[in-house]
Amino acid sequence: MERCGRAGPNATLGSPAASFELLEHELRTPLTAIRAIAEILKEDSDLTAAEREALLDALLVEQARLARTLETLLDALARR
């Protein structure tokens, strides 16, 4: 059976509904994190340089996670 994203080795996808739910989660989670981080960076002027750096690092991690998920999805669609 197929596996998707970072779901782990036990996340087999037996039905289209399960596949869609997992894909939805794998897309929404990093998008939500990216938005939250951006809002913090925009609204909190009291952040230290170290805090800003940590948030920017987290932003890059979530962007990479989203890029991997999209790459996996596009590869799967191209094989159809």
C-alpha atoms as a PDB file:
ATOM      1  CA  MET A   1       0.000   0.000   0.000  1.00  0.00           C
ATOM      2  CA  GLU A   2       1.003   3.635  -0.438  1.00  0.00           C
ATOM      3  CA  ARG A   3       2.655   5.780   2.167  1.00  0.00           C
ATOM      4  CA  CYS A   4       2.558   9.544   2.259  1.00  0.00           C
ATOM      5  CA  GLY A   5       4.615  12.407   3.709  1.00  0.00           C
ATOM      6  CA  ARG A   6       6.073  12.110   7.191  1.00  0.00           C
ATOM      7  CA  ALA A   7       3.269   9.919   8.495  1.00  0.00           C
ATOM      8  CA  GLY A   8       5.629   7.180   9.561  1.00  0.00           C
ATOM      9  CA  PRO A   9       6.059   3.554   8.666  1.00  0.00           C
ATOM     10  CA  ASN A  10       2.681   2.392   9.962  1.00  0.00           C
ATOM     11  CA  ALA A  11       0.585   4.893   7.999  1.00  0.00           C
ATOM     12  CA  THR A  12      -0.682   2.765   5.161  1.00  0.00           C
ATOM     13  CA  LEU A  13      -3.366   4.256   3.019  1.00  0.00           C
ATOM     14  CA  GLY A  14      -6.107   1.761   2.354  1.00  0.00           C
ATOM     15  CA  SER A  15      -8.818   4.024   1.013  1.00  0.00           C
ATOM     16  CA  PRO A  16      -9.044   7.248  -0.971  1.00  0.00           C
ATOM     17  CA  ALA A  17     -10.660   8.931   2.039  1.00  0.00           C
ATOM     18  CA  ALA A  18      -7.746   7.962   4.292  1.00  0.00           C
ATOM     19  CA  SER A  19      -5.282   9.146   1.670  1.00  0.00           C
ATOM     20  CA  PHE A  20      -7.051  12.479   1.363  1.00  0.00           C
ATOM     21  CA  GLU A  21      -7.223  12.976   5.129  1.00  0.00           C
ATOM     22  CA  LEU A  22      -3.508  12.297   5.498  1.00  0.00           C
ATOM     23  CA  LEU A  23      -2.646  14.581   2.586  1.00  0.00           C
ATOM     24  CA  GLU A  24      -4.867  17.322   4.009  1.00  0.00           C
ATOM     25  CA  HIS A  25      -3.084  17.028   7.356  1.00  0.00           C
ATOM     26  CA  GLU A  26       0.364  17.028   5.740  1.00  0.00           C
ATOM     27  CA  LEU A  27      -0.488  20.229   3.825  1.00  0.00           C
ATOM     28  CA  ARG A  28      -2.358  22.128   6.521  1.00  0.00           C
ATOM     29  CA  THR A  29       0.073  21.501   9.383  1.00  0.00           C
ATOM     30  CA  PRO A  30       3.080  23.335   7.911  1.00  0.00           C
ATOM     31  CA  LEU A  31       0.855  26.061   6.458  1.00  0.00           C
ATOM     32  CA  THR A  32      -0.633  26.686   9.892  1.00  0.00           C
ATOM     33  CA  ALA A  33       2.823  26.797  11.469  1.00  0.00           C
ATOM     34  CA  ILE A  34       4.138  29.161   8.783  1.00  0.00           C
ATOM     35  CA  ARG A  35       1.229  31.528   9.308  1.00  0.00           C
ATOM     36  CA  ALA A  36       1.582  31.458  13.102  1.00  0.00           C
ATOM     37  CA  ILE A  37       5.313  32.142  12.915  1.00  0.00           C
ATOM     38  CA  ALA A  38       4.799  34.982  10.442  1.00  0.00           C
ATOM     39  CA  GLU A  39       2.172  36.561  12.699  1.00  0.00           C
ATOM     40  CA  ILE A  40       4.499  36.359  15.717  1.00  0.00           C
ATOM     41  CA  LEU A  41       7.353  37.914  13.747  1.00  0.00           C
ATOM     42  CA  LYS A  42       5.077  40.692  12.501  1.00  0.00           C
ATOM     43  CA  GLU A  43       3.316  41.511  15.758  1.00  0.00           C
ATOM     44  CA  ASP A  44       5.881  40.941  18.511  1.00  0.00           C
ATOM     45  CA  SER A  45       8.423  43.752  18.431  1.00  0.00           C
ATOM     46  CA  ASP A  46       9.872  42.645  21.789  1.00  0.00           C
ATOM     47  CA  LEU A  47      11.499  39.485  20.405  1.00  0.00           C
ATOM     48  CA  THR A  48      15.191  39.117  21.020  1.00  0.00           C
ATOM     49  CA  ALA A  49      17.547  38.424  18.140  1.00  0.00           C
ATOM     50  CA  ALA A  50      17.858  34.817  19.337  1.00  0.00           C
ATOM     51  CA  GLU A  51      14.074  34.399  19.442  1.00  0.00           C
ATOM     52  CA  ARG A  52      13.724  35.857  15.954  1.00  0.00           C
ATOM     53  CA  GLU A  53      16.471  33.539  14.693  1.00  0.00           C
ATOM     54  CA  ALA A  54      14.741  30.506  16.251  1.00  0.00           C
ATOM     55  CA  LEU A  55      11.439  31.477  14.641  1.00  0.00           C
ATOM     56  CA  LEU A  56      13.098  31.967  11.264  1.00  0.00           C
ATOM     57  CA  ASP A  57      14.730  28.543  11.597  1.00  0.00           C
ATOM     58  CA  ALA A  58      11.317  27.010  12.390  1.00  0.00           C
ATOM     59  CA  LEU A  59       9.856  28.808   9.375  1.00  0.00           C
ATOM     60  CA  LEU A  60      12.477  27.222   7.119  1.00  0.00           C
ATOM     61  CA  VAL A  61      11.830  23.773   8.600  1.00  0.00           C
ATOM     62  CA  GLU A  62       8.093  24.056   7.957  1.00  0.00           C
ATOM     63  CA  GLN A  63       8.675  25.361   4.428  1.00  0.00           C
ATOM     64  CA  ALA A  64      10.898  22.357   3.706  1.00  0.00           C
ATOM     65  CA  ARG A  65       8.265  20.017   5.126  1.00  0.00           C
ATOM     66  CA  LEU A  66       5.623  21.545   2.875  1.00  0.00           C
ATOM     67  CA  ALA A  67       7.930  21.372  -0.148  1.00  0.00           C
ATOM     68  CA  ARG A  68       8.598  17.653   0.485  1.00  0.00           C
ATOM     69  CA  THR A  69       4.881  16.938   0.755  1.00  0.00           C
ATOM     70  CA  LEU A  70       4.121  18.819  -2.447  1.00  0.00           C
ATOM     71  CA  GLU A  71       6.981  17.091  -4.256  1.00  0.00           C
ATOM     72  CA  THR A  72       5.647  13.694  -3.163  1.00  0.00           C
ATOM     73  CA  LEU A  73       2.139  14.625  -4.305  1.00  0.00           C
ATOM     74  CA  LEU A  74       3.296  15.946  -7.675  1.00  0.00           C
ATOM     75  CA  ASP A  75       5.454  12.853  -8.254  1.00  0.00           C
ATOM     76  CA  ALA A  76       2.486  10.600  -7.461  1.00  0.00           C
ATOM     77  CA  LEU A  77       0.227  12.549  -9.812  1.00  0.00           C
ATOM     78  CA  ALA A  78       2.821  12.427 -12.583  1.00  0.00           C
ATOM     79  CA  ARG A  79       2.952   8.616 -12.345  1.00  0.00           C
ATOM     80  CA  ARG A  80      -0.811   8.295 -12.889  1.00  0.00           C
END
